[in-house]
Amino acid sequence: MVIPLVGIVFLTIFGAPILIVAVIMYFGFSKNRMMHRTIRLMVEKGQPVPPALLAPPAAAQRQRSDMRRGVVLAMIGLGLMIFLAAMNDWEGGAWSIGLIPFLIGAGYLLVWKLEGKKDNAPPVT
């Protein structure tokens, strides 16, 4: 009775990630195969193959947002400080661990404010 249960648990723990990776790879392979089939049909019919089909444009990179990072880190630090202070009945110095992400977030916010809005920055997509 225990052996099938252990087998199911191990298959779930180790088999699920392998299954997810296999499904992702299969769909990537299918997409690539369909693109090659389309190009082959275009060449057989004598139609020109658009360069964008052979080498699709690179994905646009998102602009780094110091404001977003700063707010997230500051709020994580603040939450950590409140949590640790409440857990110790507002005594001791365990809450000071939350100062690390809080001050890093404040630094990001300071950099964001000092740099200001750049005119030549690419748009965020």
PDB file of N, CA and C in Angstrom:
ATOM      1  N   MET A   1       0.820  -1.197   0.000  1.00  0.00           N
ATOM      2  CA  MET A   1       0.000   0.000   0.000  1.00  0.00           C
ATOM      3  C   MET A   1       0.862   1.258   0.000  1.00  0.00           C
ATOM      4  N   VAL A   2       2.001   1.209   0.668  1.00  0.00           N
ATOM      5  CA  VAL A   2       2.868   2.383   0.786  1.00  0.00           C
ATOM      6  C   VAL A   2       3.662   2.617  -0.499  1.00  0.00           C
ATOM      7  N   ILE A   3       4.072   1.565  -1.156  1.00  0.00           N
ATOM      8  CA  ILE A   3       4.916   1.692  -2.345  1.00  0.00           C
ATOM      9  C   ILE A   3       4.215   2.460  -3.471  1.00  0.00           C
ATOM     10  N   PRO A   4       2.961   2.161  -3.798  1.00  0.00           N
ATOM     11  CA  PRO A   4       2.302   2.975  -4.843  1.00  0.00           C
ATOM     12  C   PRO A   4       2.150   4.434  -4.437  1.00  0.00           C
ATOM     13  N   LEU A   5       1.894   4.675  -3.165  1.00  0.00           N
ATOM     14  CA  LEU A   5       1.757   6.051  -2.692  1.00  0.00           C
ATOM     15  C   LEU A   5       3.075   6.806  -2.824  1.00  0.00           C
ATOM     16  N   VAL A   6       4.175   6.170  -2.456  1.00  0.00           N
ATOM     17  CA  VAL A   6       5.495   6.792  -2.592  1.00  0.00           C
ATOM     18  C   VAL A   6       5.812   7.024  -4.068  1.00  0.00           C
ATOM     19  N   GLY A   7       5.457   6.081  -4.915  1.00  0.00           N
ATOM     20  CA  GLY A   7       5.679   6.240  -6.348  1.00  0.00           C
ATOM     21  C   GLY A   7       4.911   7.421  -6.918  1.00  0.00           C
ATOM     22  N   ILE A   8       3.677   7.585  -6.512  1.00  0.00           N
ATOM     23  CA  ILE A   8       2.860   8.711  -6.983  1.00  0.00           C
ATOM     24  C   ILE A   8       3.446  10.036  -6.515  1.00  0.00           C
ATOM     25  N   VAL A   9       3.879  10.077  -5.265  1.00  0.00           N
ATOM     26  CA  VAL A   9       4.472  11.311  -4.733  1.00  0.00           C
ATOM     27  C   VAL A   9       5.747  11.667  -5.486  1.00  0.00           C
ATOM     28  N   PHE A  10       6.625  10.680  -5.715  1.00  0.00           N
ATOM     29  CA  PHE A  10       7.863  10.960  -6.435  1.00  0.00           C
ATOM     30  C   PHE A  10       7.598  11.363  -7.885  1.00  0.00           C
ATOM     31  N   LEU A  11       6.633  10.731  -8.533  1.00  0.00           N
ATOM     32  CA  LEU A  11       6.301  11.123  -9.897  1.00  0.00           C
ATOM     33  C   LEU A  11       5.737  12.538  -9.941  1.00  0.00           C
ATOM     34  N   THR A  12       4.968  12.890  -8.935  1.00  0.00           N
ATOM     35  CA  THR A  12       4.416  14.245  -8.887  1.00  0.00           C
ATOM     36  C   THR A  12       5.517  15.271  -8.668  1.00  0.00           C
ATOM     37  N   ILE A  13       6.400  14.998  -7.740  1.00  0.00           N
ATOM     38  CA  ILE A  13       7.450  15.967  -7.412  1.00  0.00           C
ATOM     39  C   ILE A  13       8.466  16.093  -8.538  1.00  0.00           C
ATOM     40  N   PHE A  14       8.925  14.961  -9.064  1.00  0.00           N
ATOM     41  CA  PHE A  14       9.975  15.008 -10.075  1.00  0.00           C
ATOM     42  C   PHE A  14       9.440  14.957 -11.501  1.00  0.00           C
ATOM     43  N   GLY A  15       8.263  14.382 -11.691  1.00  0.00           N
ATOM     44  CA  GLY A  15       7.723  14.251 -13.036  1.00  0.00           C
ATOM     45  C   GLY A  15       7.059  15.514 -13.550  1.00  0.00           C
ATOM     46  N   ALA A  16       6.436  16.286 -12.658  1.00  0.00           N
ATOM     47  CA  ALA A  16       5.726  17.496 -13.089  1.00  0.00           C
ATOM     48  C   ALA A  16       6.668  18.523 -13.725  1.00  0.00           C
ATOM     49  N   PRO A  17       7.819  18.845 -13.133  1.00  0.00           N
ATOM     50  CA  PRO A  17       8.712  19.799 -13.804  1.00  0.00           C
ATOM     51  C   PRO A  17       9.215  19.294 -15.153  1.00  0.00           C
ATOM     52  N   ILE A  18       9.490  17.996 -15.230  1.00  0.00           N
ATOM     53  CA  ILE A  18       9.945  17.438 -16.504  1.00  0.00           C
ATOM     54  C   ILE A  18       8.839  17.527 -17.542  1.00  0.00           C
ATOM     55  N   LEU A  19       7.610  17.263 -17.136  1.00  0.00           N
ATOM     56  CA  LEU A  19       6.470  17.361 -18.048  1.00  0.00           C
ATOM     57  C   LEU A  19       6.265  18.796 -18.520  1.00  0.00           C
ATOM     58  N   ILE A  20       6.402  19.765 -17.633  1.00  0.00           N
ATOM     59  CA  ILE A  20       6.245  21.174 -18.006  1.00  0.00           C
ATOM     60  C   ILE A  20       7.300  21.585 -19.017  1.00  0.00           C
ATOM     61  N   VAL A  21       8.548  21.209 -18.770  1.00  0.00           N
ATOM     62  CA  VAL A  21       9.634  21.545 -19.708  1.00  0.00           C
ATOM     63  C   VAL A  21       9.389  20.868 -21.058  1.00  0.00           C
ATOM     64  N   ALA A  22       8.929  19.613 -21.036  1.00  0.00           N
ATOM     65  CA  ALA A  22       8.674  18.893 -22.287  1.00  0.00           C
ATOM     66  C   ALA A  22       7.572  19.570 -23.095  1.00  0.00           C
ATOM     67  N   VAL A  23       6.520  20.028 -22.434  1.00  0.00           N
ATOM     68  CA  VAL A  23       5.420  20.703 -23.139  1.00  0.00           C
ATOM     69  C   VAL A  23       5.906  22.017 -23.745  1.00  0.00           C
ATOM     70  N   ILE A  24       6.692  22.783 -23.005  1.00  0.00           N
ATOM     71  CA  ILE A  24       7.225  24.047 -23.525  1.00  0.00           C
ATOM     72  C   ILE A  24       8.115  23.784 -24.733  1.00  0.00           C
ATOM     73  N   MET A  25       8.981  22.783 -24.642  1.00  0.00           N
ATOM     74  CA  MET A  25       9.864  22.468 -25.773  1.00  0.00           C
ATOM     75  C   MET A  25       9.062  21.988 -26.978  1.00  0.00           C
ATOM     76  N   TYR A  26       8.006  21.206 -26.752  1.00  0.00           N
ATOM     77  CA  TYR A  26       7.194  20.715 -27.858  1.00  0.00           C
ATOM     78  C   TYR A  26       6.537  21.859 -28.616  1.00  0.00           C
ATOM     79  N   PHE A  27       5.958  22.824 -27.878  1.00  0.00           N
ATOM     80  CA  PHE A  27       5.300  23.933 -28.558  1.00  0.00           C
ATOM     81  C   PHE A  27       6.301  24.826 -29.279  1.00  0.00           C
ATOM     82  N   GLY A  28       7.485  24.998 -28.717  1.00  0.00           N
ATOM     83  CA  GLY A  28       8.525  25.753 -29.421  1.00  0.00           C
ATOM     84  C   GLY A  28       8.942  25.057 -30.704  1.00  0.00           C
ATOM     85  N   PHE A  29       9.078  23.726 -30.634  1.00  0.00           N
ATOM     86  CA  PHE A  29       9.426  22.947 -31.815  1.00  0.00           C
ATOM     87  C   PHE A  29       8.321  23.035 -32.865  1.00  0.00           C
ATOM     88  N   SER A  30       7.064  22.967 -32.429  1.00  0.00           N
ATOM     89  CA  SER A  30       5.940  23.051 -33.373  1.00  0.00           C
ATOM     90  C   SER A  30       5.908  24.399 -34.081  1.00  0.00           C
ATOM     91  N   LYS A  31       6.136  25.460 -33.334  1.00  0.00           N
ATOM     92  CA  LYS A  31       6.144  26.797 -33.934  1.00  0.00           C
ATOM     93  C   LYS A  31       7.269  26.915 -34.958  1.00  0.00           C
ATOM     94  N   ASN A  32       8.436  26.402 -34.622  1.00  0.00           N
ATOM     95  CA  ASN A  32       9.579  26.451 -35.533  1.00  0.00           C
ATOM     96  C   ASN A  32       9.307  25.620 -36.783  1.00  0.00           C
ATOM     97  N   ARG A  33       8.680  24.456 -36.620  1.00  0.00           N
ATOM     98  CA  ARG A  33       8.374  23.592 -37.753  1.00  0.00           C
ATOM     99  C   ARG A  33       7.366  24.254 -38.693  1.00  0.00           C
ATOM    100  N   MET A  34       6.348  24.921 -38.127  1.00  0.00           N
ATOM    101  CA  MET A  34       5.360  25.611 -38.961  1.00  0.00           C
ATOM    102  C   MET A  34       5.995  26.757 -39.747  1.00  0.00           C
ATOM    103  N   MET A  35       6.933  27.486 -39.108  1.00  0.00           N
ATOM    104  CA  MET A  35       7.596  28.576 -39.812  1.00  0.00           C
ATOM    105  C   MET A  35       8.428  28.033 -40.978  1.00  0.00           C
ATOM    106  N   HIS A  36       9.130  26.921 -40.763  1.00  0.00           N
ATOM    107  CA  HIS A  36       9.931  26.332 -41.839  1.00  0.00           C
ATOM    108  C   HIS A  36       9.042  25.821 -42.967  1.00  0.00           C
ATOM    109  N   ARG A  37       7.898  25.257 -42.615  1.00  0.00           N
ATOM    110  CA  ARG A  37       6.972  24.776 -43.637  1.00  0.00           C
ATOM    111  C   ARG A  37       6.454  25.948 -44.480  1.00  0.00           C
ATOM    112  N   THR A  38       6.141  27.064 -43.818  1.00  0.00           N
ATOM    113  CA  THR A  38       5.667  28.250 -44.543  1.00  0.00           C
ATOM    114  C   THR A  38       6.737  28.770 -45.490  1.00  0.00           C
ATOM    115  N   ILE A  39       7.973  28.843 -45.027  1.00  0.00           N
ATOM    116  CA  ILE A  39       9.067  29.327 -45.877  1.00  0.00           C
ATOM    117  C   ILE A  39       9.278  28.388 -47.056  1.00  0.00           C
ATOM    118  N   ARG A  40       9.215  27.075 -46.812  1.00  0.00           N
ATOM    119  CA  ARG A  40       9.400  26.111 -47.892  1.00  0.00           C
ATOM    120  C   ARG A  40       8.304  26.262 -48.946  1.00  0.00           C
ATOM    121  N   LEU A  41       7.046  26.452 -48.522  1.00  0.00           N
ATOM    122  CA  LEU A  41       5.948  26.634 -49.479  1.00  0.00           C
ATOM    123  C   LEU A  41       6.122  27.924 -50.274  1.00  0.00           C
ATOM    124  N   MET A  42       6.594  28.984 -49.630  1.00  0.00           N
ATOM    125  CA  MET A  42       6.807  30.251 -50.345  1.00  0.00           C
ATOM    126  C   MET A  42       7.889  30.094 -51.407  1.00  0.00           C
ATOM    127  N   VAL A  43       8.958  29.366 -51.069  1.00  0.00           N
ATOM    128  CA  VAL A  43      10.050  29.167 -52.031  1.00  0.00           C
ATOM    129  C   VAL A  43       9.584  28.286 -53.183  1.00  0.00           C
ATOM    130  N   GLU A  44       8.802  27.249 -52.890  1.00  0.00           N
ATOM    131  CA  GLU A  44       8.303  26.366 -53.943  1.00  0.00           C
ATOM    132  C   GLU A  44       7.393  27.099 -54.915  1.00  0.00           C
ATOM    133  N   LYS A  45       6.616  28.071 -54.424  1.00  0.00           N
ATOM    134  CA  LYS A  45       5.715  28.831 -55.293  1.00  0.00           C
ATOM    135  C   LYS A  45       6.399  30.012 -55.949  1.00  0.00           C
ATOM    136  N   GLY A  46       7.658  30.255 -55.624  1.00  0.00           N
ATOM    137  CA  GLY A  46       8.398  31.334 -56.255  1.00  0.00           C
ATOM    138  C   GLY A  46       8.156  32.697 -55.634  1.00  0.00           C
ATOM    139  N   GLN A  47       7.575  32.752 -54.502  1.00  0.00           N
ATOM    140  CA  GLN A  47       7.333  34.034 -53.843  1.00  0.00           C
ATOM    141  C   GLN A  47       8.573  34.444 -53.040  1.00  0.00           C
ATOM    142  N   PRO A  48       8.806  35.743 -52.938  1.00  0.00           N
ATOM    143  CA  PRO A  48       9.954  36.183 -52.146  1.00  0.00           C
ATOM    144  C   PRO A  48       9.674  35.980 -50.653  1.00  0.00           C
ATOM    145  N   VAL A  49      10.716  35.599 -49.959  1.00  0.00           N
ATOM    146  CA  VAL A  49      10.599  35.388 -48.512  1.00  0.00           C
ATOM    147  C   VAL A  49      10.962  36.698 -47.817  1.00  0.00           C
ATOM    148  N   PRO A  50      10.047  37.270 -47.032  1.00  0.00           N
ATOM    149  CA  PRO A  50      10.352  38.525 -46.346  1.00  0.00           C
ATOM    150  C   PRO A  50      11.493  38.335 -45.333  1.00  0.00           C
ATOM    151  N   PRO A  51      12.388  39.302 -45.247  1.00  0.00           N
ATOM    152  CA  PRO A  51      13.502  39.189 -44.293  1.00  0.00           C
ATOM    153  C   PRO A  51      13.018  39.094 -42.840  1.00  0.00           C
ATOM    154  N   ALA A  52      11.889  39.697 -42.543  1.00  0.00           N
ATOM    155  CA  ALA A  52      11.371  39.647 -41.176  1.00  0.00           C
ATOM    156  C   ALA A  52      10.969  38.225 -40.789  1.00  0.00           C
ATOM    157  N   LEU A  53      10.626  37.399 -41.774  1.00  0.00           N
ATOM    158  CA  LEU A  53      10.257  36.027 -41.492  1.00  0.00           C
ATOM    159  C   LEU A  53      11.482  35.174 -41.179  1.00  0.00           C
ATOM    160  N   LEU A  54      12.597  35.497 -41.826  1.00  0.00           N
ATOM    161  CA  LEU A  54      13.826  34.743 -41.589  1.00  0.00           C
ATOM    162  C   LEU A  54      14.502  35.152 -40.289  1.00  0.00           C
ATOM    163  N   ALA A  55      14.534  36.442 -40.010  1.00  0.00           N
ATOM    164  CA  ALA A  55      15.181  36.952 -38.797  1.00  0.00           C
ATOM    165  C   ALA A  55      14.228  37.929 -38.128  1.00  0.00           C
ATOM    166  N   PRO A  56      13.340  37.445 -37.279  1.00  0.00           N
ATOM    167  CA  PRO A  56      12.395  38.354 -36.627  1.00  0.00           C
ATOM    168  C   PRO A  56      13.137  39.368 -35.756  1.00  0.00           C
ATOM    169  N   PRO A  57      12.563  40.565 -35.628  1.00  0.00           N
ATOM    170  CA  PRO A  57      13.238  41.587 -34.831  1.00  0.00           C
ATOM    171  C   PRO A  57      13.367  41.151 -33.376  1.00  0.00           C
ATOM    172  N   ALA A  58      14.435  41.609 -32.750  1.00  0.00           N
ATOM    173  CA  ALA A  58      14.666  41.270 -31.345  1.00  0.00           C
ATOM    174  C   ALA A  58      13.577  41.899 -30.479  1.00  0.00           C
ATOM    175  N   ALA A  59      13.238  41.227 -29.431  1.00  0.00           N
ATOM    176  CA  ALA A  59      12.215  41.741 -28.520  1.00  0.00           C
ATOM    177  C   ALA A  59      12.718  43.017 -27.849  1.00  0.00           C
ATOM    178  N   ALA A  60      11.830  43.978 -27.708  1.00  0.00           N
ATOM    179  CA  ALA A  60      12.196  45.244 -27.082  1.00  0.00           C
ATOM    180  C   ALA A  60      12.461  45.021 -25.602  1.00  0.00           C
ATOM    181  N   GLN A  61      13.548  45.609 -25.135  1.00  0.00           N
ATOM    182  CA  GLN A  61      13.886  45.474 -23.730  1.00  0.00           C
ATOM    183  C   GLN A  61      13.196  46.567 -22.935  1.00  0.00           C
ATOM    184  N   ARG A  62      12.726  46.193 -21.770  1.00  0.00           N
ATOM    185  CA  ARG A  62      12.058  47.161 -20.915  1.00  0.00           C
ATOM    186  C   ARG A  62      13.091  48.074 -20.282  1.00  0.00           C
ATOM    187  N   GLN A  63      12.713  49.314 -20.139  1.00  0.00           N
ATOM    188  CA  GLN A  63      13.580  50.278 -19.492  1.00  0.00           C
ATOM    189  C   GLN A  63      13.641  49.962 -17.996  1.00  0.00           C
ATOM    190  N   ARG A  64      14.816  50.045 -17.444  1.00  0.00           N
ATOM    191  CA  ARG A  64      14.982  49.781 -16.021  1.00  0.00           C
ATOM    192  C   ARG A  64      14.265  50.850 -15.218  1.00  0.00           C
ATOM    193  N   SER A  65      13.465  50.447 -14.287  1.00  0.00           N
ATOM    194  CA  SER A  65      12.698  51.402 -13.511  1.00  0.00           C
ATOM    195  C   SER A  65      13.206  51.423 -12.071  1.00  0.00           C
ATOM    196  N   ASP A  66      13.999  52.448 -11.744  1.00  0.00           N
ATOM    197  CA  ASP A  66      14.501  52.572 -10.387  1.00  0.00           C
ATOM    198  C   ASP A  66      13.381  52.911  -9.421  1.00  0.00           C
ATOM    199  N   MET A  67      12.354  53.613  -9.904  1.00  0.00           N
ATOM    200  CA  MET A  67      11.246  53.954  -9.023  1.00  0.00           C
ATOM    201  C   MET A  67      10.506  52.694  -8.582  1.00  0.00           C
ATOM    202  N   ARG A  68      10.229  51.808  -9.522  1.00  0.00           N
ATOM    203  CA  ARG A  68       9.510  50.574  -9.187  1.00  0.00           C
ATOM    204  C   ARG A  68      10.318  49.726  -8.216  1.00  0.00           C
ATOM    205  N   ARG A  69      11.604  49.551  -8.500  1.00  0.00           N
ATOM    206  CA  ARG A  69      12.457  48.769  -7.603  1.00  0.00           C
ATOM    207  C   ARG A  69      12.523  49.402  -6.226  1.00  0.00           C
ATOM    208  N   GLY A  70      12.636  50.726  -6.190  1.00  0.00           N
ATOM    209  CA  GLY A  70      12.728  51.427  -4.921  1.00  0.00           C
ATOM    210  C   GLY A  70      11.479  51.264  -4.082  1.00  0.00           C
ATOM    211  N   VAL A  71      10.319  51.424  -4.709  1.00  0.00           N
ATOM    212  CA  VAL A  71       9.068  51.288  -3.967  1.00  0.00           C
ATOM    213  C   VAL A  71       8.898  49.860  -3.457  1.00  0.00           C
ATOM    214  N   VAL A  72       9.181  48.870  -4.305  1.00  0.00           N
ATOM    215  CA  VAL A  72       9.020  47.476  -3.895  1.00  0.00           C
ATOM    216  C   VAL A  72       9.955  47.147  -2.731  1.00  0.00           C
ATOM    217  N   LEU A  73      11.230  47.511  -2.843  1.00  0.00           N
ATOM    218  CA  LEU A  73      12.174  47.200  -1.776  1.00  0.00           C
ATOM    219  C   LEU A  73      11.855  47.964  -0.496  1.00  0.00           C
ATOM    220  N   ALA A  74      11.450  49.218  -0.616  1.00  0.00           N
ATOM    221  CA  ALA A  74      11.102  49.991   0.583  1.00  0.00           C
ATOM    222  C   ALA A  74       9.902  49.384   1.288  1.00  0.00           C
ATOM    223  N   MET A  75       8.904  48.943   0.542  1.00  0.00           N
ATOM    224  CA  MET A  75       7.730  48.344   1.165  1.00  0.00           C
ATOM    225  C   MET A  75       8.053  46.976   1.776  1.00  0.00           C
ATOM    226  N   ILE A  76       8.920  46.213   1.127  1.00  0.00           N
ATOM    227  CA  ILE A  76       9.344  44.935   1.710  1.00  0.00           C
ATOM    228  C   ILE A  76      10.079  45.190   3.024  1.00  0.00           C
ATOM    229  N   GLY A  77      10.977  46.164   3.025  1.00  0.00           N
ATOM    230  CA  GLY A  77      11.706  46.496   4.248  1.00  0.00           C
ATOM    231  C   GLY A  77      10.786  46.987   5.348  1.00  0.00           C
ATOM    232  N   LEU A  78       9.839  47.825   4.998  1.00  0.00           N
ATOM    233  CA  LEU A  78       8.897  48.345   5.990  1.00  0.00           C
ATOM    234  C   LEU A  78       8.041  47.210   6.566  1.00  0.00           C
ATOM    235  N   GLY A  79       7.559  46.344   5.707  1.00  0.00           N
ATOM    236  CA  GLY A  79       6.769  45.204   6.171  1.00  0.00           C
ATOM    237  C   GLY A  79       7.581  44.274   7.059  1.00  0.00           C
ATOM    238  N   LEU A  80       8.836  44.049   6.688  1.00  0.00           N
ATOM    239  CA  LEU A  80       9.705  43.201   7.493  1.00  0.00           C
ATOM    240  C   LEU A  80       9.981  43.827   8.856  1.00  0.00           C
ATOM    241  N   MET A  81      10.182  45.133   8.880  1.00  0.00           N
ATOM    242  CA  MET A  81      10.407  45.814  10.160  1.00  0.00           C
ATOM    243  C   MET A  81       9.183  45.692  11.060  1.00  0.00           C
ATOM    244  N   ILE A  82       7.998  45.938  10.525  1.00  0.00           N
ATOM    245  CA  ILE A  82       6.776  45.854  11.324  1.00  0.00           C
ATOM    246  C   ILE A  82       6.534  44.424  11.799  1.00  0.00           C
ATOM    247  N   PHE A  83       6.747  43.460  10.911  1.00  0.00           N
ATOM    248  CA  PHE A  83       6.535  42.057  11.283  1.00  0.00           C
ATOM    249  C   PHE A  83       7.478  41.634  12.403  1.00  0.00           C
ATOM    250  N   LEU A  84       8.777  41.919  12.241  1.00  0.00           N
ATOM    251  CA  LEU A  84       9.739  41.501  13.263  1.00  0.00           C
ATOM    252  C   LEU A  84       9.537  42.246  14.573  1.00  0.00           C
ATOM    253  N   ALA A  85       9.141  43.506  14.514  1.00  0.00           N
ATOM    254  CA  ALA A  85       8.889  44.250  15.738  1.00  0.00           C
ATOM    255  C   ALA A  85       7.658  43.702  16.450  1.00  0.00           C
ATOM    256  N   ALA A  86       6.617  43.352  15.707  1.00  0.00           N
ATOM    257  CA  ALA A  86       5.404  42.820  16.318  1.00  0.00           C
ATOM    258  C   ALA A  86       5.641  41.425  16.894  1.00  0.00           C
ATOM    259  N   MET A  87       6.478  40.632  16.253  1.00  0.00           N
ATOM    260  CA  MET A  87       6.759  39.284  16.743  1.00  0.00           C
ATOM    261  C   MET A  87       7.513  39.318  18.071  1.00  0.00           C
ATOM    262  N   ASN A  88       8.303  40.359  18.306  1.00  0.00           N
ATOM    263  CA  ASN A  88       9.096  40.471  19.534  1.00  0.00           C
ATOM    264  C   ASN A  88       8.483  41.466  20.504  1.00  0.00           C
ATOM    265  N   ASP A  89       7.189  41.691  20.406  1.00  0.00           N
ATOM    266  CA  ASP A  89       6.485  42.628  21.281  1.00  0.00           C
ATOM    267  C   ASP A  89       7.116  44.016  21.283  1.00  0.00           C
ATOM    268  N   TRP A  90       7.584  44.456  20.151  1.00  0.00           N
ATOM    269  CA  TRP A  90       8.147  45.788  19.943  1.00  0.00           C
ATOM    270  C   TRP A  90       9.382  46.041  20.820  1.00  0.00           C
ATOM    271  N   GLU A  91      10.082  44.963  21.176  1.00  0.00           N
ATOM    272  CA  GLU A  91      11.315  45.083  21.952  1.00  0.00           C
ATOM    273  C   GLU A  91      12.450  44.427  21.186  1.00  0.00           C
ATOM    274  N   GLY A  92      13.655  44.763  21.547  1.00  0.00           N
ATOM    275  CA  GLY A  92      14.819  44.170  20.916  1.00  0.00           C
ATOM    276  C   GLY A  92      15.119  44.855  19.594  1.00  0.00           C
ATOM    277  N   GLY A  93      16.113  44.359  18.920  1.00  0.00           N
ATOM    278  CA  GLY A  93      16.542  45.004  17.684  1.00  0.00           C
ATOM    279  C   GLY A  93      16.349  44.162  16.446  1.00  0.00           C
ATOM    280  N   ALA A  94      15.517  43.110  16.519  1.00  0.00           N
ATOM    281  CA  ALA A  94      15.316  42.250  15.347  1.00  0.00           C
ATOM    282  C   ALA A  94      14.687  43.015  14.201  1.00  0.00           C
ATOM    283  N   TRP A  95      13.902  44.048  14.512  1.00  0.00           N
ATOM    284  CA  TRP A  95      13.239  44.823  13.466  1.00  0.00           C
ATOM    285  C   TRP A  95      14.247  45.518  12.553  1.00  0.00           C
ATOM    286  N   SER A  96      15.470  45.734  13.056  1.00  0.00           N
ATOM    287  CA  SER A  96      16.462  46.476  12.268  1.00  0.00           C
ATOM    288  C   SER A  96      16.923  45.703  11.030  1.00  0.00           C
ATOM    289  N   ILE A  97      16.636  44.402  10.969  1.00  0.00           N
ATOM    290  CA  ILE A  97      16.966  43.631   9.764  1.00  0.00           C
ATOM    291  C   ILE A  97      16.186  44.185   8.566  1.00  0.00           C
ATOM    292  N   GLY A  98      14.986  44.678   8.816  1.00  0.00           N
ATOM    293  CA  GLY A  98      14.169  45.258   7.750  1.00  0.00           C
ATOM    294  C   GLY A  98      14.728  46.559   7.206  1.00  0.00           C
ATOM    295  N   LEU A  99      15.692  47.154   7.930  1.00  0.00           N
ATOM    296  CA  LEU A  99      16.311  48.387   7.435  1.00  0.00           C
ATOM    297  C   LEU A  99      17.125  48.160   6.170  1.00  0.00           C
ATOM    298  N   ILE A 100      17.657  46.961   6.002  1.00  0.00           N
ATOM    299  CA  ILE A 100      18.515  46.684   4.833  1.00  0.00           C
ATOM    300  C   ILE A 100      17.727  46.855   3.530  1.00  0.00           C
ATOM    301  N   PRO A 101      16.635  46.106   3.306  1.00  0.00           N
ATOM    302  CA  PRO A 101      15.902  46.336   2.047  1.00  0.00           C
ATOM    303  C   PRO A 101      15.255  47.715   1.998  1.00  0.00           C
ATOM    304  N   PHE A 102      14.852  48.247   3.152  1.00  0.00           N
ATOM    305  CA  PHE A 102      14.231  49.574   3.167  1.00  0.00           C
ATOM    306  C   PHE A 102      15.208  50.637   2.670  1.00  0.00           C
ATOM    307  N   LEU A 103      16.433  50.613   3.169  1.00  0.00           N
ATOM    308  CA  LEU A 103      17.415  51.619   2.754  1.00  0.00           C
ATOM    309  C   LEU A 103      17.895  51.402   1.319  1.00  0.00           C
ATOM    310  N   ILE A 104      17.956  50.155   0.866  1.00  0.00           N
ATOM    311  CA  ILE A 104      18.285  49.909  -0.541  1.00  0.00           C
ATOM    312  C   ILE A 104      17.190  50.489  -1.424  1.00  0.00           C
ATOM    313  N   GLY A 105      15.933  50.280  -1.032  1.00  0.00           N
ATOM    314  CA  GLY A 105      14.816  50.860  -1.778  1.00  0.00           C
ATOM    315  C   GLY A 105      14.856  52.373  -1.760  1.00  0.00           C
ATOM    316  N   ALA A 106      15.202  52.962  -0.607  1.00  0.00           N
ATOM    317  CA  ALA A 106      15.324  54.422  -0.535  1.00  0.00           C
ATOM    318  C   ALA A 106      16.440  54.910  -1.452  1.00  0.00           C
ATOM    319  N   GLY A 107      17.513  54.144  -1.547  1.00  0.00           N
ATOM    320  CA  GLY A 107      18.594  54.505  -2.471  1.00  0.00           C
ATOM    321  C   GLY A 107      18.138  54.486  -3.918  1.00  0.00           C
ATOM    322  N   TYR A 108      17.377  53.469  -4.299  1.00  0.00           N
ATOM    323  CA  TYR A 108      16.837  53.420  -5.661  1.00  0.00           C
ATOM    324  C   TYR A 108      15.921  54.614  -5.931  1.00  0.00           C
ATOM    325  N   LEU A 109      15.090  54.956  -4.952  1.00  0.00           N
ATOM    326  CA  LEU A 109      14.211  56.114  -5.130  1.00  0.00           C
ATOM    327  C   LEU A 109      15.016  57.402  -5.256  1.00  0.00           C
ATOM    328  N   LEU A 110      16.112  57.518  -4.501  1.00  0.00           N
ATOM    329  CA  LEU A 110      16.968  58.693  -4.597  1.00  0.00           C
ATOM    330  C   LEU A 110      17.621  58.783  -5.979  1.00  0.00           C
ATOM    331  N   VAL A 111      18.107  57.660  -6.484  1.00  0.00           N
ATOM    332  CA  VAL A 111      18.709  57.645  -7.829  1.00  0.00           C
ATOM    333  C   VAL A 111      17.667  58.019  -8.871  1.00  0.00           C
ATOM    334  N   TRP A 112      16.448  57.481  -8.729  1.00  0.00           N
ATOM    335  CA  TRP A 112      15.382  57.805  -9.683  1.00  0.00           C
ATOM    336  C   TRP A 112      15.084  59.301  -9.671  1.00  0.00           C
ATOM    337  N   LYS A 113      15.037  59.876  -8.485  1.00  0.00           N
ATOM    338  CA  LYS A 113      14.719  61.305  -8.367  1.00  0.00           C
ATOM    339  C   LYS A 113      15.852  62.170  -8.903  1.00  0.00           C
ATOM    340  N   LEU A 114      17.100  61.795  -8.628  1.00  0.00           N
ATOM    341  CA  LEU A 114      18.238  62.606  -9.073  1.00  0.00           C
ATOM    342  C   LEU A 114      18.452  62.531 -10.573  1.00  0.00           C
ATOM    343  N   GLU A 115      18.211  61.366 -11.172  1.00  0.00           N
ATOM    344  CA  GLU A 115      18.412  61.231 -12.614  1.00  0.00           C
ATOM    345  C   GLU A 115      17.316  61.929 -13.398  1.00  0.00           C
ATOM    346  N   GLY A 116      16.114  61.929 -12.888  1.00  0.00           N
ATOM    347  CA  GLY A 116      15.011  62.583 -13.586  1.00  0.00           C
ATOM    348  C   GLY A 116      14.608  61.827 -14.828  1.00  0.00           C
ATOM    349  N   LYS A 117      13.778  62.457 -15.633  1.00  0.00           N
ATOM    350  CA  LYS A 117      13.275  61.847 -16.862  1.00  0.00           C
ATOM    351  C   LYS A 117      14.272  62.096 -17.984  1.00  0.00           C
ATOM    352  N   LYS A 118      14.740  61.009 -18.602  1.00  0.00           N
ATOM    353  CA  LYS A 118      15.672  61.136 -19.726  1.00  0.00           C
ATOM    354  C   LYS A 118      14.892  61.253 -21.023  1.00  0.00           C
ATOM    355  N   ASP A 119      15.304  62.183 -21.890  1.00  0.00           N
ATOM    356  CA  ASP A 119      14.590  62.392 -23.151  1.00  0.00           C
ATOM    357  C   ASP A 119      14.882  61.301 -24.158  1.00  0.00           C
ATOM    358  N   ASN A 120      16.092  60.717 -24.118  1.00  0.00           N
ATOM    359  CA  ASN A 120      16.452  59.727 -25.127  1.00  0.00           C
ATOM    360  C   ASN A 120      16.189  58.302 -24.672  1.00  0.00           C
ATOM    361  N   ALA A 121      15.440  58.104 -23.610  1.00  0.00           N
ATOM    362  CA  ALA A 121      15.133  56.753 -23.116  1.00  0.00           C
ATOM    363  C   ALA A 121      14.112  56.090 -24.031  1.00  0.00           C
ATOM    364  N   PRO A 122      14.298  54.796 -24.317  1.00  0.00           N
ATOM    365  CA  PRO A 122      13.316  54.098 -25.159  1.00  0.00           C
ATOM    366  C   PRO A 122      12.018  53.929 -24.405  1.00  0.00           C
ATOM    367  N   PRO A 123      10.898  53.862 -25.129  1.00  0.00           N
ATOM    368  CA  PRO A 123       9.596  53.711 -24.461  1.00  0.00           C
ATOM    369  C   PRO A 123       9.485  52.341 -23.804  1.00  0.00           C
ATOM    370  N   VAL A 124       8.774  52.303 -22.709  1.00  0.00           N
ATOM    371  CA  VAL A 124       8.539  51.057 -21.997  1.00  0.00           C
ATOM    372  C   VAL A 124       7.447  50.294 -22.719  1.00  0.00           C
ATOM    373  N   THR A 125       7.709  49.028 -23.011  1.00  0.00           N
ATOM    374  CA  THR A 125       6.706  48.201 -23.693  1.00  0.00           C
ATOM    375  C   THR A 125       6.239  47.107 -22.802  1.00  0.00           C
TER     376      THR A 125
END
